[in-house]
N, C-alpha and C. Protein backbone atom coordinates (compact mmCIF):
# COMPACT_ATOMS: atom_id res chain seq x y z
N MET A 1 28.37 10.29 -10.90
CA MET A 1 28.72 8.60 -11.34
C MET A 1 30.27 8.24 -11.95
N ASN A 2 30.72 7.61 -11.39
CA ASN A 2 32.02 7.36 -12.33
C ASN A 2 31.60 6.78 -13.70
N ARG A 3 32.81 7.28 -14.72
CA ARG A 3 32.18 6.82 -16.03
C ARG A 3 32.37 5.47 -16.18
N ASN A 4 32.98 4.91 -15.72
CA ASN A 4 33.42 3.42 -15.92
C ASN A 4 32.37 2.61 -15.04
N ASN A 5 31.49 3.15 -14.48
CA ASN A 5 30.62 2.20 -13.55
C ASN A 5 29.41 1.36 -14.21
N LYS A 6 30.03 0.24 -14.24
CA LYS A 6 28.65 -0.80 -14.84
C LYS A 6 27.57 -0.48 -14.84
N HIS A 7 27.36 -0.39 -13.52
CA HIS A 7 25.72 -0.37 -12.90
C HIS A 7 25.01 1.15 -13.88
N GLU A 8 25.91 2.07 -14.01
CA GLU A 8 25.29 3.20 -14.65
C GLU A 8 25.04 3.20 -16.31
N LYS A 9 26.04 1.82 -16.74
CA LYS A 9 25.87 1.55 -18.18
C LYS A 9 24.39 0.77 -18.08
N LEU A 10 24.41 -0.20 -17.25
CA LEU A 10 23.08 -1.14 -17.28
C LEU A 10 21.84 -0.21 -16.91
N PHE A 11 21.81 0.97 -16.16
CA PHE A 11 20.69 1.67 -16.13
C PHE A 11 20.30 2.44 -17.02
N TRP A 12 21.01 3.00 -17.83
CA TRP A 12 20.91 3.58 -18.91
C TRP A 12 20.60 2.86 -20.12
N SER A 13 21.05 1.37 -20.10
CA SER A 13 20.22 0.66 -21.30
C SER A 13 19.15 0.36 -20.81
N ILE A 14 18.62 0.02 -19.61
CA ILE A 14 17.27 -0.01 -18.91
C ILE A 14 16.48 1.07 -19.61
N ALA A 15 16.80 2.15 -19.71
CA ALA A 15 15.88 3.51 -20.09
C ALA A 15 15.88 3.39 -21.47
N LEU A 16 16.83 2.91 -22.11
CA LEU A 16 16.89 2.95 -23.89
C LEU A 16 17.96 2.13 -24.08
N PRO A 17 17.83 0.85 -24.85
CA PRO A 17 18.43 -0.02 -25.39
C PRO A 17 19.48 0.87 -26.45
N GLY A 18 20.93 1.02 -25.87
CA GLY A 18 21.72 1.51 -26.87
C GLY A 18 22.57 2.74 -26.08
N PHE A 19 21.75 3.06 -25.39
CA PHE A 19 22.41 4.14 -24.33
C PHE A 19 23.77 3.95 -23.74
N GLY A 20 23.59 2.63 -23.13
CA GLY A 20 24.82 2.26 -22.21
C GLY A 20 26.12 1.89 -23.36
N GLN A 21 25.67 1.54 -24.51
CA GLN A 21 26.60 1.01 -25.64
C GLN A 21 27.43 2.71 -25.99
N ILE A 22 26.52 3.55 -25.85
CA ILE A 22 27.05 4.96 -26.67
C ILE A 22 27.85 5.71 -25.22
N LEU A 23 27.49 5.21 -23.84
CA LEU A 23 28.45 5.36 -22.55
C LEU A 23 29.65 4.77 -22.65
N ASN A 24 29.41 3.48 -23.21
CA ASN A 24 30.99 2.62 -23.25
C ASN A 24 31.61 3.00 -24.54
N GLY A 25 31.34 3.97 -25.18
CA GLY A 25 31.99 4.54 -26.52
C GLY A 25 31.88 3.75 -27.83
N LYS A 26 31.04 2.71 -27.52
CA LYS A 26 30.72 1.56 -28.57
C LYS A 26 29.29 2.51 -29.63
N PHE A 27 29.73 3.52 -30.22
CA PHE A 27 29.00 4.31 -30.79
C PHE A 27 27.94 3.36 -31.98
N LEU A 28 28.74 2.82 -32.99
CA LEU A 28 27.80 2.12 -33.94
C LEU A 28 27.09 1.12 -33.31
N LYS A 29 27.44 0.34 -32.23
CA LYS A 29 26.65 -0.90 -31.88
C LYS A 29 25.53 0.00 -30.79
N GLY A 30 25.65 1.33 -30.31
CA GLY A 30 24.78 1.86 -29.56
C GLY A 30 23.61 2.37 -30.50
N PHE A 31 23.96 3.15 -31.51
CA PHE A 31 23.04 3.47 -32.27
C PHE A 31 22.31 2.33 -33.08
N LEU A 32 22.95 1.38 -33.59
CA LEU A 32 22.23 0.22 -33.86
C LEU A 32 20.91 -0.18 -33.10
N PHE A 33 21.55 -0.32 -31.65
CA PHE A 33 20.45 -0.84 -30.64
C PHE A 33 19.01 0.02 -30.63
N ILE A 34 19.50 1.74 -30.48
CA ILE A 34 18.63 2.74 -30.89
C ILE A 34 17.71 2.40 -32.19
N ALA A 35 18.38 2.14 -33.15
CA ALA A 35 17.52 2.03 -34.38
C ALA A 35 16.46 0.80 -34.47
N LEU A 36 17.16 -0.11 -34.01
CA LEU A 36 16.50 -1.30 -33.65
C LEU A 36 15.28 -1.17 -32.58
N GLU A 37 15.34 -0.67 -31.64
CA GLU A 37 14.51 -0.32 -30.80
C GLU A 37 13.09 0.44 -31.34
N PHE A 38 13.44 1.45 -32.07
CA PHE A 38 12.44 2.36 -32.75
C PHE A 38 11.76 1.56 -33.46
N LEU A 39 12.56 0.86 -34.54
CA LEU A 39 12.08 -0.04 -35.44
C LEU A 39 10.76 -1.13 -35.01
N VAL A 40 11.27 -1.61 -33.69
CA VAL A 40 10.48 -2.66 -32.98
C VAL A 40 9.19 -1.88 -32.32
N ASN A 41 9.34 -0.72 -31.56
CA ASN A 41 8.58 0.26 -30.95
C ASN A 41 7.38 0.54 -32.20
N VAL A 42 7.85 1.26 -33.05
CA VAL A 42 6.74 1.51 -34.12
C VAL A 42 6.00 0.78 -34.45
N GLN A 43 6.66 -0.45 -35.00
CA GLN A 43 6.06 -1.62 -35.81
C GLN A 43 5.09 -2.44 -34.79
N SER A 44 5.41 -2.29 -33.42
CA SER A 44 4.49 -3.32 -32.48
C SER A 44 3.26 -2.29 -31.95
N ASN A 45 3.50 -0.99 -32.34
CA ASN A 45 2.64 -0.13 -31.92
C ASN A 45 2.77 0.06 -30.11
N PHE A 46 4.26 -0.45 -29.64
CA PHE A 46 4.43 -0.17 -28.32
C PHE A 46 3.74 0.79 -27.49
N ASN A 47 4.34 2.08 -27.87
CA ASN A 47 4.09 3.22 -26.97
C ASN A 47 2.39 3.55 -27.09
N GLU A 48 1.51 3.19 -28.16
CA GLU A 48 0.37 3.16 -27.72
C GLU A 48 -0.19 2.42 -26.81
N VAL A 49 0.20 0.99 -26.78
CA VAL A 49 -0.01 -0.06 -26.29
C VAL A 49 0.25 0.20 -24.81
N ILE A 50 1.34 0.79 -24.46
CA ILE A 50 1.97 1.36 -23.22
C ILE A 50 0.82 2.02 -22.70
N LEU A 51 0.44 3.11 -23.32
CA LEU A 51 -0.70 4.44 -22.73
C LEU A 51 -1.92 3.44 -22.55
N LEU A 52 -2.52 2.87 -23.52
CA LEU A 52 -3.79 2.04 -23.17
C LEU A 52 -3.71 1.19 -22.09
N SER A 53 -2.66 0.67 -21.58
CA SER A 53 -2.43 -0.25 -20.69
C SER A 53 -2.22 0.56 -19.38
N PHE A 54 -1.65 1.12 -19.37
CA PHE A 54 -1.63 2.16 -18.09
C PHE A 54 -2.94 3.11 -17.81
N HIS A 55 -3.82 3.09 -18.93
CA HIS A 55 -5.26 3.58 -18.68
C HIS A 55 -6.11 2.60 -18.22
N GLY A 56 -5.91 1.55 -18.25
CA GLY A 56 -6.64 0.26 -18.04
C GLY A 56 -7.24 -0.27 -19.01
N GLU A 57 -7.21 0.08 -20.30
CA GLU A 57 -7.87 -0.17 -21.61
C GLU A 57 -7.01 -1.33 -22.19
N ILE A 58 -7.19 -2.79 -21.37
CA ILE A 58 -6.40 -3.74 -21.84
C ILE A 58 -6.79 -4.36 -23.24
N GLU A 59 -8.23 -4.27 -23.35
CA GLU A 59 -8.64 -4.83 -24.52
C GLU A 59 -7.96 -4.14 -25.73
N LYS A 60 -8.27 -2.75 -25.54
CA LYS A 60 -7.68 -2.07 -26.79
C LYS A 60 -6.37 -2.45 -27.02
N ALA A 61 -5.39 -2.33 -25.94
CA ALA A 61 -4.30 -2.50 -26.06
C ALA A 61 -3.82 -4.01 -26.68
N ILE A 62 -4.46 -4.93 -26.46
CA ILE A 62 -4.58 -6.20 -27.03
C ILE A 62 -4.75 -5.95 -28.66
N GLN A 63 -5.92 -5.20 -29.05
CA GLN A 63 -6.18 -4.85 -30.31
C GLN A 63 -5.14 -3.91 -31.05
N GLN A 64 -4.69 -3.27 -30.23
CA GLN A 64 -3.57 -2.68 -30.93
C GLN A 64 -2.04 -3.13 -31.41
N THR A 65 -2.07 -4.29 -30.46
CA THR A 65 -0.24 -4.91 -30.73
C THR A 65 -0.23 -5.72 -31.77
N ASN A 66 0.68 -5.53 -32.05
CA ASN A 66 1.18 -6.23 -33.43
C ASN A 66 2.25 -7.25 -32.81
N TYR A 67 1.80 -8.37 -32.20
CA TYR A 67 2.55 -9.38 -31.54
C TYR A 67 4.01 -9.75 -32.42
N GLY A 68 3.63 -9.99 -33.65
CA GLY A 68 4.85 -10.41 -34.86
C GLY A 68 5.87 -9.67 -34.16
N TRP A 69 5.87 -8.13 -33.97
CA TRP A 69 6.98 -7.31 -33.80
C TRP A 69 7.53 -7.24 -32.42
N LEU A 70 6.23 -7.42 -31.66
CA LEU A 70 6.42 -7.12 -29.92
C LEU A 70 7.18 -8.29 -29.52
N MET A 71 7.21 -9.44 -30.20
CA MET A 71 8.08 -10.51 -29.46
C MET A 71 9.58 -10.54 -29.59
N PHE A 72 10.06 -9.52 -30.53
CA PHE A 72 11.34 -9.33 -30.65
C PHE A 72 11.92 -8.43 -29.54
N TYR A 73 11.19 -7.60 -28.71
CA TYR A 73 11.19 -6.53 -27.85
C TYR A 73 11.99 -7.30 -26.83
N PRO A 74 11.49 -7.99 -26.06
CA PRO A 74 12.28 -8.69 -24.84
C PRO A 74 13.82 -8.94 -25.04
N CYS A 75 13.99 -9.79 -26.32
CA CYS A 75 15.52 -10.33 -26.18
C CYS A 75 16.32 -8.87 -26.86
N LEU A 76 15.86 -8.35 -27.74
CA LEU A 76 16.27 -6.96 -27.94
C LEU A 76 16.81 -6.26 -26.61
N TYR A 77 15.69 -5.83 -25.78
CA TYR A 77 16.12 -5.03 -24.41
C TYR A 77 17.16 -5.88 -23.60
N PHE A 78 16.64 -7.03 -23.14
CA PHE A 78 17.90 -7.66 -22.06
C PHE A 78 19.23 -7.79 -22.69
N PHE A 79 19.06 -8.32 -24.32
CA PHE A 79 20.68 -8.25 -24.76
C PHE A 79 21.34 -7.12 -24.71
N ALA A 80 20.64 -5.98 -25.13
CA ALA A 80 21.26 -4.51 -25.02
C ALA A 80 21.92 -4.24 -23.45
N MET A 81 21.06 -4.56 -22.61
CA MET A 81 21.23 -4.36 -21.04
C MET A 81 22.84 -5.16 -20.82
N TRP A 82 23.05 -6.51 -21.38
CA TRP A 82 23.76 -7.51 -20.86
C TRP A 82 25.05 -6.84 -21.58
N ASP A 83 24.72 -6.56 -23.01
CA ASP A 83 25.95 -6.19 -23.81
C ASP A 83 26.47 -4.91 -23.22
N ALA A 84 25.93 -3.84 -22.84
CA ALA A 84 26.10 -2.80 -21.90
C ALA A 84 27.06 -3.09 -20.63
N TYR A 85 26.44 -3.86 -19.97
CA TYR A 85 27.11 -4.24 -18.68
C TYR A 85 28.29 -5.10 -18.95
N LYS A 86 28.22 -5.75 -19.78
CA LYS A 86 29.52 -6.54 -19.95
C LYS A 86 30.86 -5.72 -20.48
N ASP A 87 30.35 -4.88 -21.53
CA ASP A 87 31.44 -3.94 -22.28
C ASP A 87 31.88 -3.17 -21.30
N ALA A 88 31.07 -2.75 -19.96
CA ALA A 88 31.56 -1.80 -19.08
C ALA A 88 32.22 -2.42 -17.91
N GLY A 89 32.71 -3.78 -18.07
CA GLY A 89 33.30 -4.65 -16.99
C GLY A 89 32.43 -5.38 -16.17
N GLY A 90 31.22 -5.58 -16.24
CA GLY A 90 30.47 -6.44 -15.61
C GLY A 90 30.38 -7.91 -16.06
N GLY A 91 30.07 -8.85 -15.30
CA GLY A 91 29.53 -10.08 -16.12
C GLY A 91 31.12 -10.73 -16.21
N LYS A 92 31.93 -10.70 -15.52
CA LYS A 92 33.01 -11.60 -15.37
C LYS A 92 32.72 -12.90 -14.62
N LYS A 93 32.00 -13.06 -13.75
CA LYS A 93 31.82 -14.38 -13.39
C LYS A 93 31.24 -15.37 -14.09
N PRO A 94 31.42 -16.67 -14.02
CA PRO A 94 30.76 -17.51 -14.93
C PRO A 94 29.07 -17.62 -14.88
N TYR A 95 28.59 -18.06 -16.04
CA TYR A 95 27.12 -17.83 -16.13
C TYR A 95 26.39 -16.46 -15.88
N SER A 96 27.20 -15.36 -15.58
CA SER A 96 26.62 -14.33 -15.47
C SER A 96 25.33 -13.61 -16.14
N PHE A 97 25.45 -14.12 -17.49
CA PHE A 97 24.75 -14.08 -18.36
C PHE A 97 23.19 -14.13 -18.08
N LEU A 98 23.03 -15.38 -17.31
CA LEU A 98 21.81 -16.08 -17.13
C LEU A 98 20.59 -15.66 -16.89
N PRO A 99 20.72 -14.58 -15.91
CA PRO A 99 19.68 -13.81 -15.43
C PRO A 99 19.06 -12.92 -16.44
N PHE A 100 19.88 -12.21 -17.59
CA PHE A 100 19.42 -11.59 -18.49
C PHE A 100 18.52 -12.62 -19.55
N VAL A 101 19.32 -13.85 -20.07
CA VAL A 101 18.69 -14.46 -20.49
C VAL A 101 17.25 -15.23 -20.31
N PHE A 102 17.24 -15.38 -19.01
CA PHE A 102 15.72 -15.81 -18.47
C PHE A 102 14.89 -14.74 -18.45
N SER A 103 15.55 -13.75 -18.02
CA SER A 103 14.28 -12.50 -18.22
C SER A 103 13.76 -12.41 -19.55
N ALA A 104 14.65 -12.26 -20.53
CA ALA A 104 14.18 -12.43 -21.79
C ALA A 104 13.23 -13.50 -22.28
N TYR A 105 13.63 -14.79 -21.75
CA TYR A 105 13.10 -15.71 -22.25
C TYR A 105 11.52 -15.72 -21.66
N PHE A 106 11.37 -15.11 -20.46
CA PHE A 106 10.23 -15.37 -19.67
C PHE A 106 9.26 -14.35 -20.24
N VAL A 107 9.74 -12.95 -20.40
CA VAL A 107 9.13 -11.81 -20.93
C VAL A 107 8.54 -12.32 -22.42
N THR A 108 9.10 -12.75 -22.93
CA THR A 108 8.85 -13.22 -24.39
C THR A 108 7.68 -14.30 -24.30
N VAL A 109 7.69 -15.04 -23.28
CA VAL A 109 6.59 -16.15 -23.20
C VAL A 109 5.41 -15.36 -22.41
N GLY A 110 5.92 -14.54 -21.54
CA GLY A 110 4.71 -13.90 -20.92
C GLY A 110 3.80 -12.83 -21.89
N THR A 111 4.84 -12.44 -23.10
CA THR A 111 4.15 -11.65 -24.17
C THR A 111 3.20 -12.44 -25.06
N ILE A 112 3.80 -13.68 -25.14
CA ILE A 112 3.16 -14.57 -26.24
C ILE A 112 1.64 -14.94 -25.53
N TYR A 113 1.68 -15.26 -24.34
CA TYR A 113 0.34 -15.41 -23.70
C TYR A 113 -0.56 -14.39 -23.23
N SER A 114 -0.19 -13.05 -23.43
CA SER A 114 -0.73 -11.96 -22.63
C SER A 114 -1.90 -11.55 -23.18
N SER A 115 -2.37 -12.23 -24.54
CA SER A 115 -3.47 -11.78 -24.85
C SER A 115 -4.73 -12.56 -24.47
N LYS A 116 -4.26 -13.78 -23.75
CA LYS A 116 -5.48 -14.72 -23.31
C LYS A 116 -5.63 -14.90 -21.64
N LEU A 117 -4.21 -14.86 -21.38
CA LEU A 117 -3.99 -15.37 -19.90
C LEU A 117 -4.69 -14.67 -18.78
N THR A 118 -5.46 -14.94 -17.84
CA THR A 118 -5.66 -13.78 -16.92
C THR A 118 -5.15 -14.68 -15.34
N LEU A 119 -4.75 -13.84 -14.65
CA LEU A 119 -4.29 -13.85 -13.18
C LEU A 119 -5.56 -13.42 -12.35
N PHE A 120 -6.07 -14.48 -11.47
CA PHE A 120 -7.27 -14.13 -10.80
C PHE A 120 -8.34 -13.39 -11.39
N GLY A 121 -8.67 -13.98 -12.60
CA GLY A 121 -9.69 -13.52 -13.31
C GLY A 121 -9.68 -12.15 -14.61
N VAL A 122 -8.19 -11.63 -14.12
CA VAL A 122 -7.92 -10.14 -14.68
C VAL A 122 -7.10 -10.80 -15.88
N LEU A 123 -7.39 -10.00 -17.04
CA LEU A 123 -6.73 -10.15 -17.99
C LEU A 123 -5.55 -9.22 -18.02
N LEU A 124 -4.33 -9.36 -17.97
CA LEU A 124 -3.28 -8.10 -17.58
C LEU A 124 -2.54 -7.89 -19.04
N GLY A 125 -2.64 -8.23 -20.08
CA GLY A 125 -2.66 -7.83 -21.32
C GLY A 125 -1.13 -7.74 -21.70
N PRO A 126 -0.74 -7.20 -22.88
CA PRO A 126 0.58 -7.14 -23.26
C PRO A 126 1.52 -6.07 -22.64
N ILE A 127 1.29 -5.37 -21.70
CA ILE A 127 2.44 -4.90 -20.94
C ILE A 127 2.58 -5.28 -19.45
N TRP A 128 1.15 -5.54 -18.80
CA TRP A 128 1.67 -6.07 -17.56
C TRP A 128 1.87 -7.55 -17.14
N LEU A 129 1.60 -8.20 -18.14
CA LEU A 129 1.72 -9.58 -17.98
C LEU A 129 3.40 -10.10 -18.47
N PRO A 130 3.99 -9.41 -19.06
CA PRO A 130 5.18 -9.71 -19.37
C PRO A 130 6.29 -9.03 -18.47
N ILE A 131 5.61 -7.92 -17.87
CA ILE A 131 6.42 -7.35 -16.85
C ILE A 131 6.33 -8.18 -15.51
N LEU A 132 5.12 -8.87 -15.28
CA LEU A 132 4.92 -9.78 -14.09
C LEU A 132 5.79 -11.02 -14.56
N SER A 133 6.50 -11.52 -15.60
CA SER A 133 6.74 -12.38 -15.91
C SER A 133 8.72 -12.26 -15.93
N VAL A 134 9.03 -11.19 -15.46
CA VAL A 134 10.46 -10.95 -15.46
C VAL A 134 10.85 -11.77 -14.01
N ILE A 135 11.66 -12.77 -14.63
CA ILE A 135 12.07 -13.74 -12.96
C ILE A 135 13.61 -13.99 -13.24
N PRO A 136 14.31 -12.57 -12.95
CA PRO A 136 15.62 -12.99 -12.88
C PRO A 136 16.22 -13.78 -11.79
N GLY A 137 15.24 -14.15 -10.93
CA GLY A 137 15.73 -15.14 -9.91
C GLY A 137 15.91 -16.67 -10.53
N VAL A 138 15.15 -17.13 -11.55
CA VAL A 138 15.44 -18.36 -12.15
C VAL A 138 16.91 -18.21 -12.85
N GLY A 139 17.25 -17.35 -13.40
CA GLY A 139 18.50 -17.26 -13.77
C GLY A 139 19.76 -17.06 -12.85
N PHE A 140 19.43 -16.58 -11.89
CA PHE A 140 20.33 -16.41 -10.75
C PHE A 140 20.41 -17.92 -9.99
N THR A 141 19.47 -18.53 -9.74
CA THR A 141 19.41 -19.54 -9.13
C THR A 141 20.24 -20.63 -10.11
N LEU A 142 20.00 -20.89 -11.31
CA LEU A 142 20.45 -21.55 -12.37
C LEU A 142 21.86 -21.33 -12.47
N LYS A 143 22.57 -20.17 -12.28
CA LYS A 143 23.82 -19.68 -12.43
C LYS A 143 24.77 -20.21 -11.38
N TRP A 144 23.85 -20.36 -10.06
CA TRP A 144 24.47 -20.80 -8.75
C TRP A 144 24.72 -22.34 -8.78
N PHE A 145 23.90 -22.97 -9.09
CA PHE A 145 23.35 -24.28 -9.46
C PHE A 145 24.64 -24.65 -10.45
N ILE A 146 24.56 -24.13 -11.70
CA ILE A 146 25.64 -24.67 -12.52
C ILE A 146 27.12 -24.32 -11.94
N HIS A 147 27.18 -23.33 -11.51
CA HIS A 147 28.54 -23.02 -11.04
C HIS A 147 29.11 -23.77 -9.68
N LYS A 148 27.89 -24.37 -9.16
CA LYS A 148 28.31 -25.30 -7.68
C LYS A 148 28.66 -26.65 -8.60
N ILE A 149 27.92 -26.92 -9.42
CA ILE A 149 28.56 -28.36 -10.16
C ILE A 149 29.63 -28.19 -10.89
N ALA A 150 29.89 -27.21 -11.69
CA ALA A 150 31.44 -26.87 -12.70
C ALA A 150 32.58 -26.90 -11.30
N LYS A 151 32.33 -26.68 -10.06
CA LYS A 151 33.36 -26.82 -9.16
C LYS A 151 33.51 -28.27 -8.43
N GLY A 152 32.68 -28.98 -9.02
CA GLY A 152 32.57 -30.49 -8.70
C GLY A 152 31.90 -30.88 -7.61
N LYS A 153 30.82 -30.44 -7.24
CA LYS A 153 29.86 -30.70 -6.55
C LYS A 153 28.38 -31.26 -6.85
N SER A 154 28.24 -32.47 -6.59
CA SER A 154 27.14 -33.21 -7.50
C SER A 154 26.03 -32.61 -6.80
N PRO A 155 25.03 -32.39 -7.70
CA PRO A 155 23.78 -32.09 -6.97
C PRO A 155 23.04 -32.59 -5.89
N ASP A 156 23.13 -34.04 -5.78
CA ASP A 156 23.17 -34.44 -4.31
C ASP A 156 23.65 -34.06 -3.13
N LYS A 157 24.85 -33.62 -3.41
CA LYS A 157 25.93 -33.02 -2.35
C LYS A 157 25.25 -31.99 -2.04
N LEU A 158 24.68 -30.85 -2.65
CA LEU A 158 24.68 -29.67 -2.50
C LEU A 158 23.66 -29.42 -1.46
N TYR A 159 23.01 -30.51 -0.89
CA TYR A 159 22.02 -30.31 0.17
C TYR A 159 22.57 -31.41 1.31
N ALA A 160 23.90 -31.21 1.63
CA ALA A 160 24.28 -32.15 2.76
C ALA A 160 24.06 -31.65 4.10
N THR A 161 23.84 -30.31 4.70
CA THR A 161 23.88 -29.87 5.72
C THR A 161 22.53 -29.49 6.21
N ASN A 162 21.51 -30.20 6.76
CA ASN A 162 20.11 -30.15 7.45
C ASN A 162 19.37 -29.48 6.30
N GLY A 163 19.23 -30.00 5.23
CA GLY A 163 18.52 -29.27 4.08
C GLY A 163 19.24 -27.90 3.48
N ARG A 164 20.06 -27.85 4.03
CA ARG A 164 20.76 -26.02 3.72
C ARG A 164 21.73 -26.40 2.50
N VAL A 165 21.88 -25.22 1.90
CA VAL A 165 22.86 -25.53 0.75
C VAL A 165 23.84 -25.12 0.79
N ASN A 166 24.59 -25.55 0.54
CA ASN A 166 26.57 -25.52 1.17
C ASN A 166 27.08 -24.34 0.02
């Protein structure tokens, strides 16, 4: 891959927050993200929760989770992804941050409800419900909508032709 590839930096940030920043040459920021990831990971018992969840022991995973710390993880994770992508030259279009912001928001909400909310009678817990809560499509849709309004098209004129979006 090309050293300037914004998608490469994004994918490394998905692997571990901070890796994308290091590849971008932002070493202090990269090591800070890695340190914060380790801090939140250890304090929330995240690795143990992941293992228990993958083994289907959702109740044990819920008991092991420190939700006060785990709720920081989605924002840290998605912000590190956005930051690496942006520093690598991505995100130049207006509102391109919205998919990252909405993903962080919905995963955080999924984390909050993960100890109680069931889906078709199944308790998904602190790993599976937040993963299913990643809804970047809301961010992409809102980004498109705001961009259209910013270009001067009012919301009522967006659906002018046979109910299709122009």
